[in-house]
Amino acid sequence: MKGYLINPFDQTIKPVILSDVDSNLKQIYALLDCTTIDAVYTIDDHTIYVDDEGLFVSEQRFFKLCGQPLAGKALVLGASEDGDSIDAELWVEDTLEERIDWVPEGITYKPSMEFRAWE
């Protein structure tokens, strides 16, 4: 399966090849340098996966996708109508380059949570 790895540490977007994602999640963990993932964004029928605990990593690097800051590396895979992962389309790399802003080293985002009472 073909995807794209977004790497804010060296500010690159590179194609990657994975075997069957559903049976080998370890590949995604290795690519993203993490142990848990989250699907955080869908863009043009593609899903973006990131480290679910990325905001808690020291010396983290960030990038913004369509203005939304994301922590660490990200993997972009295509998505079928049923929600299954499939090959990312070739044009996605150019689309990503247009929509990504690399956050300078040293800038961080802190996780936050807010509780609100229902009235």
Protein backbone atom coordinates (compact mmCIF):
# COMPACT_ATOMS: atom_id res chain seq x y z
CA MET A 1 0.00 0.00 0.00
CA LYS A 2 1.36 3.41 -0.93
CA GLY A 3 1.23 6.33 1.47
CA TYR A 4 3.07 9.54 2.27
CA LEU A 5 5.13 10.25 5.37
CA ILE A 6 5.13 13.85 6.58
CA ASN A 7 8.27 14.48 8.62
CA PRO A 8 8.53 17.84 10.42
CA PHE A 9 12.03 17.00 11.70
CA ASP A 10 13.55 17.26 8.23
CA GLN A 11 10.58 19.05 6.65
CA THR A 12 9.90 16.43 3.98
CA ILE A 13 7.00 14.58 2.44
CA LYS A 14 8.13 11.19 1.15
CA PRO A 15 6.30 8.26 -0.45
CA VAL A 16 6.34 5.04 1.58
CA ILE A 17 5.21 1.50 0.83
CA LEU A 18 3.45 -0.59 3.48
CA SER A 19 2.23 -4.16 3.40
CA ASP A 20 -1.39 -4.77 4.40
CA VAL A 21 -2.06 -2.08 7.02
CA ASP A 22 -4.87 -3.95 8.75
CA SER A 23 -2.64 -6.91 9.56
CA ASN A 24 0.58 -5.03 10.38
CA LEU A 25 -0.01 -1.94 12.46
CA LYS A 26 3.60 -2.21 13.66
CA GLN A 27 4.72 -0.67 10.35
CA ILE A 28 2.78 2.50 11.09
CA TYR A 29 4.11 2.64 14.64
CA ALA A 30 7.66 2.33 13.29
CA LEU A 31 7.15 5.03 10.65
CA LEU A 32 5.66 7.45 13.17
CA ASP A 33 8.00 6.48 16.04
CA CYS A 34 5.07 5.84 18.39
CA THR A 35 2.97 3.18 20.13
CA THR A 36 -0.54 4.62 19.61
CA ILE A 37 -2.07 6.35 16.61
CA ASP A 38 -5.09 8.46 15.86
CA ALA A 39 -6.79 9.40 12.61
CA VAL A 40 -6.97 13.17 12.97
CA TYR A 41 -7.82 14.60 9.61
CA THR A 42 -9.47 13.67 6.35
CA ILE A 43 -8.48 15.58 3.27
CA ASP A 44 -9.65 14.81 -0.26
CA ASP A 45 -10.57 11.17 0.55
CA HIS A 46 -7.30 10.59 2.41
CA THR A 47 -6.81 9.97 6.14
CA ILE A 48 -3.94 11.41 8.16
CA TYR A 49 -2.60 9.34 11.06
CA VAL A 50 -0.46 10.81 13.86
CA ASP A 51 1.00 9.76 17.21
CA ASP A 52 -1.94 9.91 19.61
CA GLU A 53 0.44 10.98 22.39
CA GLY A 54 2.53 13.33 20.22
CA LEU A 55 1.87 16.39 22.37
CA PHE A 56 3.50 14.64 25.32
CA VAL A 57 6.80 13.90 23.53
CA SER A 58 9.78 16.02 24.58
CA GLU A 59 11.73 17.82 21.85
CA GLN A 60 8.80 17.39 19.48
CA ARG A 61 8.53 19.06 16.09
CA PHE A 62 5.26 20.33 14.61
CA PHE A 63 3.69 21.22 11.29
CA LYS A 64 0.41 22.86 10.40
CA LEU A 65 -1.97 21.27 7.94
CA CYS A 66 -4.57 23.74 6.72
CA GLY A 67 -3.74 25.86 9.80
CA GLN A 68 -4.17 23.00 12.30
CA PRO A 69 -0.98 22.20 14.27
CA LEU A 70 -0.05 18.52 14.39
CA ALA A 71 2.69 16.94 16.52
CA GLY A 72 5.41 14.72 15.11
CA LYS A 73 5.38 12.65 11.97
CA ALA A 74 2.18 11.84 10.10
CA LEU A 75 1.16 9.15 7.62
CA VAL A 76 -1.29 9.83 4.81
CA LEU A 77 -3.24 6.92 3.33
CA GLY A 78 -6.16 6.80 0.94
CA ALA A 79 -9.60 5.87 2.23
CA SER A 80 -12.22 3.81 0.45
CA GLU A 81 -15.94 4.59 0.62
CA ASP A 82 -16.17 1.94 3.37
CA GLY A 83 -13.41 3.63 5.39
CA ASP A 84 -10.73 1.04 4.64
CA SER A 85 -7.15 2.18 4.04
CA ILE A 86 -6.06 2.08 0.40
CA ASP A 87 -3.25 3.54 -1.71
CA ALA A 88 -2.81 7.28 -1.49
CA GLU A 89 -3.22 9.00 -4.84
CA LEU A 90 -0.13 10.39 -6.59
CA TRP A 91 -1.45 13.97 -6.62
CA VAL A 92 -1.68 14.05 -2.82
CA GLU A 93 2.02 14.89 -2.44
CA ASP A 94 1.57 18.19 -4.33
CA THR A 95 -1.65 18.94 -2.44
CA LEU A 96 0.09 18.36 0.88
CA GLU A 97 2.99 20.64 -0.03
CA GLU A 98 0.50 23.44 -0.73
CA ARG A 99 -1.32 22.93 2.59
CA ILE A 100 1.58 22.34 5.00
CA ASP A 101 3.40 25.03 6.95
CA TRP A 102 6.49 23.84 8.79
CA VAL A 103 6.61 25.12 12.36
CA PRO A 104 10.07 26.42 13.33
CA GLU A 105 12.09 24.37 15.81
CA GLY A 106 11.54 25.41 19.41
CA ILE A 107 7.86 26.33 19.04
CA THR A 108 5.62 24.02 21.05
CA TYR A 109 1.93 23.49 21.64
CA LYS A 110 0.68 22.41 25.04
CA PRO A 111 -2.13 19.91 25.45
CA SER A 112 -5.16 21.34 27.18
CA MET A 113 -8.56 20.21 28.31
CA GLU A 114 -11.55 22.19 29.43
CA PHE A 115 -14.62 20.99 31.30
CA ARG A 116 -17.92 22.81 30.99
CA ALA A 117 -21.03 22.22 33.03
CA TRP A 118 -24.33 21.82 31.22
CA GLU A 119 -26.94 24.32 32.33
